[in-house]
C-alpha atoms as a PDB file:
ATOM      1  CA  MET A   1     250.835 304.419 -17.500  1.00  0.00           C
ATOM      2  CA  ILE A   2     253.111 301.763 -19.315  1.00  0.00           C
ATOM      3  CA  HIS A   3     254.891 301.512 -15.713  1.00  0.00           C
ATOM      4  CA  TYR A   4     251.694 300.921 -13.988  1.00  0.00           C
ATOM      5  CA  LYS A   5     250.242 298.231 -15.974  1.00  0.00           C
ATOM      6  CA  CYS A   6     253.557 296.503 -15.548  1.00  0.00           C
ATOM      7  CA  LEU A   7     253.319 296.866 -11.878  1.00  0.00           C
ATOM      8  CA  VAL A   8     250.106 295.533 -11.897  1.00  0.00           C
ATOM      9  CA  ILE A   9     251.022 292.315 -14.121  1.00  0.00           C
ATOM     10  CA  LEU A  10     254.159 291.717 -11.786  1.00  0.00           C
ATOM     11  CA  VAL A  11     251.556 292.136  -8.825  1.00  0.00           C
ATOM     12  CA  LEU A  12     249.271 289.438 -10.430  1.00  0.00           C
ATOM     13  CA  SER A  13     252.303 286.989 -11.217  1.00  0.00           C
ATOM     14  CA  ILE A  14     253.593 286.983  -7.607  1.00  0.00           C
ATOM     15  CA  SER A  15     250.038 286.475  -6.187  1.00  0.00           C
ATOM     16  CA  ALA A  16     248.953 283.414  -8.619  1.00  0.00           C
ATOM     17  CA  ALA A  17     252.776 281.767  -7.667  1.00  0.00           C
ATOM     18  CA  MET A  18     252.170 282.077  -3.880  1.00  0.00           C
ATOM     19  CA  SER A  19     248.652 280.787  -4.353  1.00  0.00           C
ATOM     20  CA  GLN A  20     250.336 277.956  -6.370  1.00  0.00           C
ATOM     21  CA  ARG A  21     252.699 277.518  -3.765  1.00  0.00           C
ATOM     22  CA  SER A  22     250.321 277.136  -0.988  1.00  0.00           C
ATOM     23  CA  LEU A  23     248.364 274.585  -2.804  1.00  0.00           C
ATOM     24  CA  TYR A  24     251.283 272.606  -3.331  1.00  0.00           C
ATOM     25  CA  GLN A  25     252.250 272.818   0.552  1.00  0.00           C
ATOM     26  CA  GLN A  26     248.670 271.858   1.219  1.00  0.00           C
ATOM     27  CA  ASN A  27     248.932 268.673  -1.129  1.00  0.00           C
ATOM     28  CA  SER A  28     252.177 267.546   0.612  1.00  0.00           C
ATOM     29  CA  TYR A  29     250.692 268.029   3.835  1.00  0.00           C
ATOM     30  CA  GLU A  30     247.701 265.883   2.888  1.00  0.00           C
ATOM     31  CA  ASP A  31     249.825 263.357   1.362  1.00  0.00           C
ATOM     32  CA  LEU A  32     252.179 263.209   4.657  1.00  0.00           C
ATOM     33  CA  ARG A  33     249.104 262.958   6.726  1.00  0.00           C
ATOM     34  CA  ARG A  34     248.024 259.969   4.518  1.00  0.00           C
ATOM     35  CA  GLN A  35     251.154 258.211   4.765  1.00  0.00           C
ATOM     36  CA  GLN A  36     251.347 258.585   8.559  1.00  0.00           C
ATOM     37  CA  GLN A  37     247.818 257.017   8.898  1.00  0.00           C
ATOM     38  CA  GLN A  38     248.715 254.093   6.907  1.00  0.00           C
ATOM     39  CA  GLN A  39     251.856 253.390   9.087  1.00  0.00           C
ATOM     40  CA  THR A  40     250.064 253.799  12.065  1.00  0.00           C
ATOM     41  CA  ARG A  41     247.079 251.232  10.802  1.00  0.00           C
ATOM     42  CA  ALA A  42     250.254 248.666   9.496  1.00  0.00           C
ATOM     43  CA  ALA A  43     252.487 249.121  12.699  1.00  0.00           C
ATOM     44  CA  PRO A  44     249.767 246.568  14.911  1.00  0.00           C
ATOM     45  CA  SER A  45     249.871 244.166  11.894  1.00  0.00           C
ATOM     46  CA  GLN A  46     253.585 244.264  11.607  1.00  0.00           C
ATOM     47  CA  GLN A  47     254.191 244.162  15.470  1.00  0.00           C
ATOM     48  CA  GLN A  48     251.697 240.998  15.873  1.00  0.00           C
ATOM     49  CA  LYS A  49     253.636 239.557  12.854  1.00  0.00           C
ATOM     50  CA  SER A  50     257.183 240.166  14.714  1.00  0.00           C
ATOM     51  CA  LEU A  51     255.782 238.640  17.636  1.00  0.00           C
ATOM     52  CA  SER A  52     254.252 235.887  16.200  1.00  0.00           C
ATOM     53  CA  ASP A  53     257.595 235.129  14.327  1.00  0.00           C
ATOM     54  CA  ALA A  54     259.782 235.358  17.604  1.00  0.00           C
ATOM     55  CA  THR A  55     257.256 232.759  19.192  1.00  0.00           C
ATOM     56  CA  GLN A  56     257.917 230.596  16.046  1.00  0.00           C
ATOM     57  CA  GLN A  57     261.243 230.555  16.415  1.00  0.00           C
ATOM     58  CA  HIS A  58     261.249 229.882  20.251  1.00  0.00           C
ATOM     59  CA  GLN A  59     258.936 226.895  19.611  1.00  0.00           C
ATOM     60  CA  GLN A  60     261.257 225.819  17.108  1.00  0.00           C
ATOM     61  CA  GLN A  61     264.643 226.367  19.530  1.00  0.00           C
ATOM     62  CA  ARG A  62     262.338 224.527  22.492  1.00  0.00           C
ATOM     63  CA  PRO A  63     264.138 221.236  23.031  1.00  0.00           C
ATOM     64  CA  ALA A  64     261.452 218.122  23.011  1.00  0.00           C
ATOM     65  CA  PHE A  65     261.160 216.188  26.362  1.00  0.00           C
ATOM     66  CA  ASP A  66     264.275 213.808  26.333  1.00  0.00           C
ATOM     67  CA  ASP A  67     264.778 211.467  28.906  1.00  0.00           C
ATOM     68  CA  THR A  68     268.462 210.719  28.317  1.00  0.00           C
ATOM     69  CA  PHE A  69     269.532 213.895  29.711  1.00  0.00           C
ATOM     70  CA  GLY A  70     270.980 214.881  26.391  1.00  0.00           C
ATOM     71  CA  ALA A  71     272.722 212.189  25.345  1.00  0.00           C
ATOM     72  CA  ASP A  72     273.369 211.606  21.556  1.00  0.00           C
ATOM     73  CA  LEU A  73     270.159 209.378  20.004  1.00  0.00           C
ATOM     74  CA  GLY A  74     270.894 205.981  20.853  1.00  0.00           C
ATOM     75  CA  CYS A  75     273.399 206.159  23.873  1.00  0.00           C
ATOM     76  CA  LYS A  76     271.747 205.612  27.082  1.00  0.00           C
ATOM     77  CA  ASP A  77     272.833 208.803  29.087  1.00  0.00           C
ATOM     78  CA  PRO A  78     275.690 210.995  29.659  1.00  0.00           C
ATOM     79  CA  TRP A  79     277.096 208.956  32.399  1.00  0.00           C
ATOM     80  CA  THR A  80     277.182 205.570  30.689  1.00  0.00           C
ATOM     81  CA  THR A  81     280.438 204.127  28.242  1.00  0.00           C
ATOM     82  CA  GLU A  82     279.070 201.125  26.644  1.00  0.00           C
ATOM     83  CA  TRP A  83     278.475 199.412  22.866  1.00  0.00           C
ATOM     84  CA  THR A  84     274.382 199.978  22.031  1.00  0.00           C
ATOM     85  CA  ARG A  85     272.756 198.793  19.137  1.00  0.00           C
ATOM     86  CA  ASP A  86     271.421 201.128  16.670  1.00  0.00           C
ATOM     87  CA  LEU A  87     267.940 202.200  16.984  1.00  0.00           C
ATOM     88  CA  THR A  88     266.374 201.099  13.364  1.00  0.00           C
ATOM     89  CA  ASP A  89     269.473 198.752  12.477  1.00  0.00           C
ATOM     90  CA  CYS A  90     270.028 195.935  14.241  1.00  0.00           C
ATOM     91  CA  THR A  91     273.548 195.073  11.926  1.00  0.00           C
ATOM     92  CA  LYS A  92     274.837 198.632  13.648  1.00  0.00           C
ATOM     93  CA  VAL A  93     276.431 199.246  16.805  1.00  0.00           C
ATOM     94  CA  HIS A  94     277.781 202.543  18.388  1.00  0.00           C
ATOM     95  CA  PHE A  95     280.259 203.013  20.671  1.00  0.00           C
ATOM     96  CA  CYS A  96     278.849 205.503  23.341  1.00  0.00           C
ATOM     97  CA  ILE A  97     281.340 207.245  25.773  1.00  0.00           C
ATOM     98  CA  GLN A  98     279.457 209.428  28.217  1.00  0.00           C
ATOM     99  CA  GLY A  99     276.573 209.760  25.940  1.00  0.00           C
ATOM    100  CA  LYS A 100     278.377 210.643  23.016  1.00  0.00           C
ATOM    101  CA  LYS A 101     278.904 208.324  19.823  1.00  0.00           C
ATOM    102  CA  GLN A 102     282.706 207.755  19.306  1.00  0.00           C
ATOM    103  CA  TRP A 103     282.205 205.537  16.494  1.00  0.00           C
ATOM    104  CA  THR A 104     280.204 202.802  14.393  1.00  0.00           C
ATOM    105  CA  ILE A 105     280.815 199.331  13.253  1.00  0.00           C
ATOM    106  CA  ASN A 106     278.569 197.129  11.235  1.00  0.00           C
ATOM    107  CA  CYS A 107     278.100 193.440  12.012  1.00  0.00           C
ATOM    108  CA  ASN A 108     279.729 191.113   9.373  1.00  0.00           C
ATOM    109  CA  ASP A 109     277.804 189.137   7.022  1.00  0.00           C
ATOM    110  CA  THR A 110     274.016 188.846   8.011  1.00  0.00           C
ATOM    111  CA  ARG A 111     274.794 189.013  11.886  1.00  0.00           C
ATOM    112  CA  ILE A 112     273.163 191.304  14.287  1.00  0.00           C
ATOM    113  CA  TRP A 113     274.283 193.190  17.265  1.00  0.00           C
ATOM    114  CA  SER A 114     272.751 191.592  20.473  1.00  0.00           C
ATOM    115  CA  ASN A 115     272.187 193.768  23.727  1.00  0.00           C
ATOM    116  CA  VAL A 116     271.970 190.756  25.757  1.00  0.00           C
ATOM    117  CA  GLY A 117     275.109 188.730  24.488  1.00  0.00           C
ATOM    118  CA  HIS A 118     276.893 192.090  23.882  1.00  0.00           C
ATOM    119  CA  ALA A 119     278.345 190.912  20.518  1.00  0.00           C
ATOM    120  CA  CYS A 120     277.396 190.157  16.784  1.00  0.00           C
ATOM    121  CA  VAL A 121     275.286 187.197  16.676  1.00  0.00           C
ATOM    122  CA  GLU A 122     273.321 184.836  14.440  1.00  0.00           C
ATOM    123  CA  PRO A 123     269.916 186.440  13.579  1.00  0.00           C
ATOM    124  CA  MET A 124     267.202 184.198  15.351  1.00  0.00           C
ATOM    125  CA  SER A 125     269.776 182.353  17.756  1.00  0.00           C
ATOM    126  CA  GLN A 126     268.907 182.234  21.314  1.00  0.00           C
ATOM    127  CA  TRP A 127     270.920 185.672  21.883  1.00  0.00           C
ATOM    128  CA  ASP A 128     268.784 187.279  18.960  1.00  0.00           C
ATOM    129  CA  ASP A 129     266.946 190.284  20.783  1.00  0.00           C
ATOM    130  CA  CYS A 130     266.384 192.070  17.531  1.00  0.00           C
ATOM    131  CA  ASN A 131     264.009 189.818  15.831  1.00  0.00           C
ATOM    132  CA  GLN A 132     261.875 188.786  18.799  1.00  0.00           C
ATOM    133  CA  VAL A 133     258.450 188.512  18.672  1.00  0.00           C
ATOM    134  CA  MET A 134     256.779 191.283  20.866  1.00  0.00           C
ATOM    135  CA  THR A 135     253.785 190.703  22.651  1.00  0.00           C
ATOM    136  CA  THR A 136     250.972 192.853  24.368  1.00  0.00           C
ATOM    137  CA  PRO A 137     252.274 193.537  27.792  1.00  0.00           C
ATOM    138  CA  THR A 138     250.160 191.996  30.658  1.00  0.00           C
ATOM    139  CA  LEU A 139     250.687 192.955  34.062  1.00  0.00           C
ATOM    140  CA  ASN A 140     251.287 190.581  36.742  1.00  0.00           C
ATOM    141  CA  ASP A 141     251.576 187.393  34.086  1.00  0.00           C
ATOM    142  CA  HIS A 142     251.530 184.098  35.809  1.00  0.00           C
ATOM    143  CA  ARG A 143     254.049 182.933  33.302  1.00  0.00           C
ATOM    144  CA  CYS A 144     256.390 185.220  34.698  1.00  0.00           C
ATOM    145  CA  SER A 145     256.319 183.603  38.122  1.00  0.00           C
ATOM    146  CA  SER A 146     259.812 181.741  38.120  1.00  0.00           C
ATOM    147  CA  GLU A 147     261.613 184.625  36.972  1.00  0.00           C
ATOM    148  CA  PRO A 148     259.711 188.162  37.364  1.00  0.00           C
ATOM    149  CA  SER A 149     262.686 189.851  35.480  1.00  0.00           C
ATOM    150  CA  GLY A 150     264.520 187.139  33.663  1.00  0.00           C
ATOM    151  CA  LEU A 151     263.776 184.223  31.143  1.00  0.00           C
ATOM    152  CA  ASN A 152     260.728 181.892  31.766  1.00  0.00           C
ATOM    153  CA  PRO A 153     259.878 179.108  29.678  1.00  0.00           C
ATOM    154  CA  ASP A 154     256.690 179.119  27.180  1.00  0.00           C
ATOM    155  CA  PRO A 155     254.075 176.992  28.717  1.00  0.00           C
ATOM    156  CA  ASN A 156     252.770 176.000  25.343  1.00  0.00           C
ATOM    157  CA  ASN A 157     255.869 175.406  23.703  1.00  0.00           C
ATOM    158  CA  CYS A 158     259.072 173.697  24.697  1.00  0.00           C
ATOM    159  CA  ALA A 159     260.919 175.432  22.004  1.00  0.00           C
ATOM    160  CA  GLN A 160     260.215 179.169  23.004  1.00  0.00           C
ATOM    161  CA  PHE A 161     260.756 181.127  26.002  1.00  0.00           C
ATOM    162  CA  LEU A 162     259.498 184.339  27.715  1.00  0.00           C
ATOM    163  CA  SER A 163     261.359 187.685  28.473  1.00  0.00           C
ATOM    164  CA  CYS A 164     259.866 188.933  31.635  1.00  0.00           C
ATOM    165  CA  VAL A 165     260.421 192.361  33.362  1.00  0.00           C
ATOM    166  CA  ASN A 166     258.698 193.286  36.593  1.00  0.00           C
ATOM    167  CA  MET A 167     256.239 190.358  36.029  1.00  0.00           C
ATOM    168  CA  THR A 168     255.321 191.306  32.560  1.00  0.00           C
ATOM    169  CA  VAL A 169     256.251 189.617  29.294  1.00  0.00           C
ATOM    170  CA  VAL A 170     257.629 191.776  26.884  1.00  0.00           C
ATOM    171  CA  ALA A 171     258.805 189.584  24.255  1.00  0.00           C
ATOM    172  CA  THR A 172     258.266 185.667  22.960  1.00  0.00           C
ATOM    173  CA  MET A 173     261.908 184.056  21.717  1.00  0.00           C
ATOM    174  CA  GLU A 174     262.586 181.104  19.815  1.00  0.00           C
ATOM    175  CA  CYS A 175     265.353 178.514  20.398  1.00  0.00           C
ATOM    176  CA  PRO A 176     268.256 177.863  17.950  1.00  0.00           C
ATOM    177  CA  THR A 177     267.329 174.871  15.482  1.00  0.00           C
ATOM    178  CA  ASN A 178     267.061 171.618  17.296  1.00  0.00           C
ATOM    179  CA  THR A 179     267.140 173.064  20.704  1.00  0.00           C
ATOM    180  CA  LEU A 180     264.509 173.455  23.448  1.00  0.00           C
ATOM    181  CA  PHE A 181     264.162 175.611  26.592  1.00  0.00           C
ATOM    182  CA  SER A 182     265.225 174.131  29.578  1.00  0.00           C
ATOM    183  CA  THR A 183     263.951 174.961  32.829  1.00  0.00           C
ATOM    184  CA  THR A 184     266.653 173.777  35.144  1.00  0.00           C
ATOM    185  CA  ASN A 185     269.225 175.891  33.399  1.00  0.00           C
ATOM    186  CA  ASN A 186     266.950 178.839  31.879  1.00  0.00           C
ATOM    187  CA  THR A 187     268.747 178.438  28.436  1.00  0.00           C
ATOM    188  CA  CYS A 188     268.354 176.548  25.196  1.00  0.00           C
ATOM    189  CA  GLU A 189     269.916 173.214  24.949  1.00  0.00           C
ATOM    190  CA  LEU A 190     270.185 170.421  22.639  1.00  0.00           C
ATOM    191  CA  SER A 191     266.693 169.147  22.091  1.00  0.00           C
ATOM    192  CA  PHE A 192     267.385 165.124  23.568  1.00  0.00           C
ATOM    193  CA  VAL A 193     268.723 166.458  26.766  1.00  0.00           C
ATOM    194  CA  VAL A 194     265.697 168.901  27.607  1.00  0.00           C
ATOM    195  CA  ALA A 195     262.791 166.655  26.219  1.00  0.00           C
ATOM    196  CA  SER A 196     262.054 164.850  29.154  1.00  0.00           C
ATOM    197  CA  GLU A 197     261.388 168.355  30.724  1.00  0.00           C
ATOM    198  CA  CYS A 198     259.184 169.344  28.429  1.00  0.00           C
ATOM    199  CA  ARG A 199     256.253 167.317  29.615  1.00  0.00           C
ATOM    200  CA  GLU A 200     252.751 169.465  28.947  1.00  0.00           C
ATOM    201  CA  ARG A 201     255.030 172.121  26.926  1.00  0.00           C
ATOM    202  CA  SER A 202     254.541 170.666  23.377  1.00  0.00           C
ATOM    203  CA  ILE A 203     257.314 169.897  20.990  1.00  0.00           C
ATOM    204  CA  PRO A 204     257.056 171.280  17.743  1.00  0.00           C
ATOM    205  CA  GLY A 205     257.185 169.011  14.942  1.00  0.00           C
ATOM    206  CA  HIS A 206     260.547 170.251  13.022  1.00  0.00           C
ATOM    207  CA  ILE A 207     262.364 169.741  16.245  1.00  0.00           C
ATOM    208  CA  ILE A 208     264.344 166.523  15.991  1.00  0.00           C
ATOM    209  CA  VAL A 209     264.694 164.619  19.354  1.00  0.00           C
ATOM    210  CA  THR A 210     267.034 161.576  19.381  1.00  0.00           C
ATOM    211  CA  THR A 211     269.002 159.636  22.158  1.00  0.00           C
ATOM    212  CA  ALA A 212     272.098 159.045  20.084  1.00  0.00           C
ATOM    213  CA  SER A 213     275.482 159.865  21.082  1.00  0.00           C
ATOM    214  CA  PRO A 214     275.995 163.743  20.425  1.00  0.00           C
ATOM    215  CA  ILE A 215     278.425 165.035  17.907  1.00  0.00           C
ATOM    216  CA  VAL A 216     280.917 167.111  19.607  1.00  0.00           C
ATOM    217  CA  ASP A 217     282.505 169.983  17.498  1.00  0.00           C
ATOM    218  CA  LYS A 218     286.294 170.311  17.920  1.00  0.00           C
ATOM    219  CA  PRO A 219     286.717 173.767  19.392  1.00  0.00           C
ATOM    220  CA  CYS A 220     283.924 172.912  21.724  1.00  0.00           C
ATOM    221  CA  GLU A 221     285.455 169.797  23.001  1.00  0.00           C
ATOM    222  CA  GLY A 222     285.859 169.310  26.603  1.00  0.00           C
ATOM    223  CA  THR A 223     283.296 172.145  27.251  1.00  0.00           C
ATOM    224  CA  SER A 224     279.732 171.466  27.921  1.00  0.00           C
ATOM    225  CA  ASN A 225     278.148 174.690  27.724  1.00  0.00           C
ATOM    226  CA  GLY A 226     279.912 178.461  27.568  1.00  0.00           C
ATOM    227  CA  ASP A 227     282.507 180.616  25.308  1.00  0.00           C
ATOM    228  CA  VAL A 228     285.378 179.312  23.764  1.00  0.00           C
ATOM    229  CA  GLY A 229     288.054 181.350  21.957  1.00  0.00           C
ATOM    230  CA  ASP A 230     288.564 180.605  18.245  1.00  0.00           C
ATOM    231  CA  PRO A 231     292.001 178.761  18.003  1.00  0.00           C
ATOM    232  CA  GLY A 232     292.675 180.566  14.441  1.00  0.00           C
ATOM    233  CA  GLN A 233     291.505 184.030  15.083  1.00  0.00           C
ATOM    234  CA  CYS A 234     291.995 186.253  18.261  1.00  0.00           C
ATOM    235  CA  ALA A 235     288.859 188.332  17.969  1.00  0.00           C
ATOM    236  CA  ARG A 236     286.405 185.513  17.253  1.00  0.00           C
ATOM    237  CA  PHE A 237     284.950 183.040  20.022  1.00  0.00           C
ATOM    238  CA  TYR A 238     282.468 179.966  19.806  1.00  0.00           C
ATOM    239  CA  LYS A 239     279.017 179.794  21.753  1.00  0.00           C
ATOM    240  CA  CYS A 240     279.145 175.983  23.004  1.00  0.00           C
ATOM    241  CA  ASN A 241     276.049 173.965  23.941  1.00  0.00           C
ATOM    242  CA  TYR A 242     276.501 170.323  25.260  1.00  0.00           C
ATOM    243  CA  GLY A 243     279.817 170.109  22.898  1.00  0.00           C
ATOM    244  CA  ARG A 244     278.065 171.708  19.626  1.00  0.00           C
ATOM    245  CA  ILE A 245     278.674 174.737  18.245  1.00  0.00           C
ATOM    246  CA  VAL A 246     275.630 177.364  18.304  1.00  0.00           C
ATOM    247  CA  ALA A 247     277.154 180.377  17.176  1.00  0.00           C
ATOM    248  CA  ARG A 248     280.498 181.906  15.885  1.00  0.00           C
ATOM    249  CA  ILE A 249     280.868 185.610  17.158  1.00  0.00           C
ATOM    250  CA  ARG A 250     283.385 188.114  16.010  1.00  0.00           C
ATOM    251  CA  CYS A 251     284.064 190.850  18.579  1.00  0.00           C
ATOM    252  CA  PRO A 252     283.677 194.571  18.338  1.00  0.00           C
ATOM    253  CA  ALA A 253     286.290 196.522  16.784  1.00  0.00           C
ATOM    254  CA  ASN A 254     289.810 197.033  18.817  1.00  0.00           C
ATOM    255  CA  SER A 255     288.604 194.036  20.897  1.00  0.00           C
ATOM    256  CA  ALA A 256     289.353 190.449  21.193  1.00  0.00           C
ATOM    257  CA  PHE A 257     288.312 187.423  23.097  1.00  0.00           C
ATOM    258  CA  ASN A 258     289.699 187.490  26.593  1.00  0.00           C
ATOM    259  CA  GLU A 259     289.871 183.438  27.696  1.00  0.00           C
ATOM    260  CA  GLU A 260     290.395 184.225  31.182  1.00  0.00           C
ATOM    261  CA  LYS A 261     287.180 186.475  31.207  1.00  0.00           C
ATOM    262  CA  LYS A 262     285.480 184.436  28.690  1.00  0.00           C
ATOM    263  CA  LYS A 263     284.392 187.810  26.906  1.00  0.00           C
ATOM    264  CA  CYS A 264     285.532 190.316  24.566  1.00  0.00           C
ATOM    265  CA  ASP A 265     288.062 192.548  26.072  1.00  0.00           C
ATOM    266  CA  TRP A 266     290.167 195.647  25.124  1.00  0.00           C
ATOM    267  CA  ARG A 267     293.129 194.417  22.455  1.00  0.00           C
ATOM    268  CA  GLN A 268     295.666 195.704  25.138  1.00  0.00           C
ATOM    269  CA  ASN A 269     294.298 193.417  27.733  1.00  0.00           C
ATOM    270  CA  VAL A 270     294.266 190.127  25.536  1.00  0.00           C
ATOM    271  CA  ASP A 271     297.204 187.978  24.505  1.00  0.00           C
ATOM    272  CA  CYS A 272     296.730 186.803  21.203  1.00  0.00           C
ATOM    273  CA  GLY A 273     300.030 184.985  20.927  1.00  0.00           C
ATOM    274  CA  ASP A 274     300.432 183.981  16.946  1.00  0.00           C
ATOM    275  CA  ARG A 275     296.945 184.092  16.202  1.00  0.00           C
ATOM    276  CA  PRO A 276     295.776 186.746  13.815  1.00  0.00           C
ATOM    277  CA  MET A 277     292.980 189.320  14.959  1.00  0.00           C
ATOM    278  CA  PHE A 278     290.743 187.935  11.760  1.00  0.00           C
END
């Protein structure tokens, strides 16, 4: 009898254990199914996010439109070797070789780099193309009729001139102190020389017009107009206008003034003699 009771208890215990195991397996199965459903619902969102991230990355890597054909910012193009002025600071100039900046220099004192004169010049001089007064372009401007792409006199002001490109005024520029714009030579010259040319072009009140014998500066003696090397420094030269110095300019780094070519040249191409560079 005792053995029979023990057998019944054993059977009931095994049955209870199996039932508990079955319930555990069922619960585990339900948990697994819910987890798979959550992953399935999350998959499109994750896929969409991945696609969005990839698109954003592609847009960041995609280069903007560039008409310099890959040249460094401030350099003209990949084929040109030249000095070029900084886009935001007129006192800085970059030397570009095939579109790559090799080095940068700063003009001395308060001078700025002139893209027209290819040298450091005095601010507000006739070679200053940085502080020019920009104007609203007008196509087929009659004021550009003499030089469609060049310098033209301002019809209302004898001390100003206009920079034109394809019959369009792109800038109005001021002549240096006590000079007026000559329609004969298309340049700013001493006021007493140009005054008779001005006619209907008004002469500003601050311009001194005199017929007295002009003062001749020693470096420009014997030279009416043009560039003359500095007798004391090989890397500097003077801009002369009717015997007067209108600017003293320093050549860029590693260059000196070539008297034969009348421009700055590589140092090895210039015979400085006993003159120091600076």
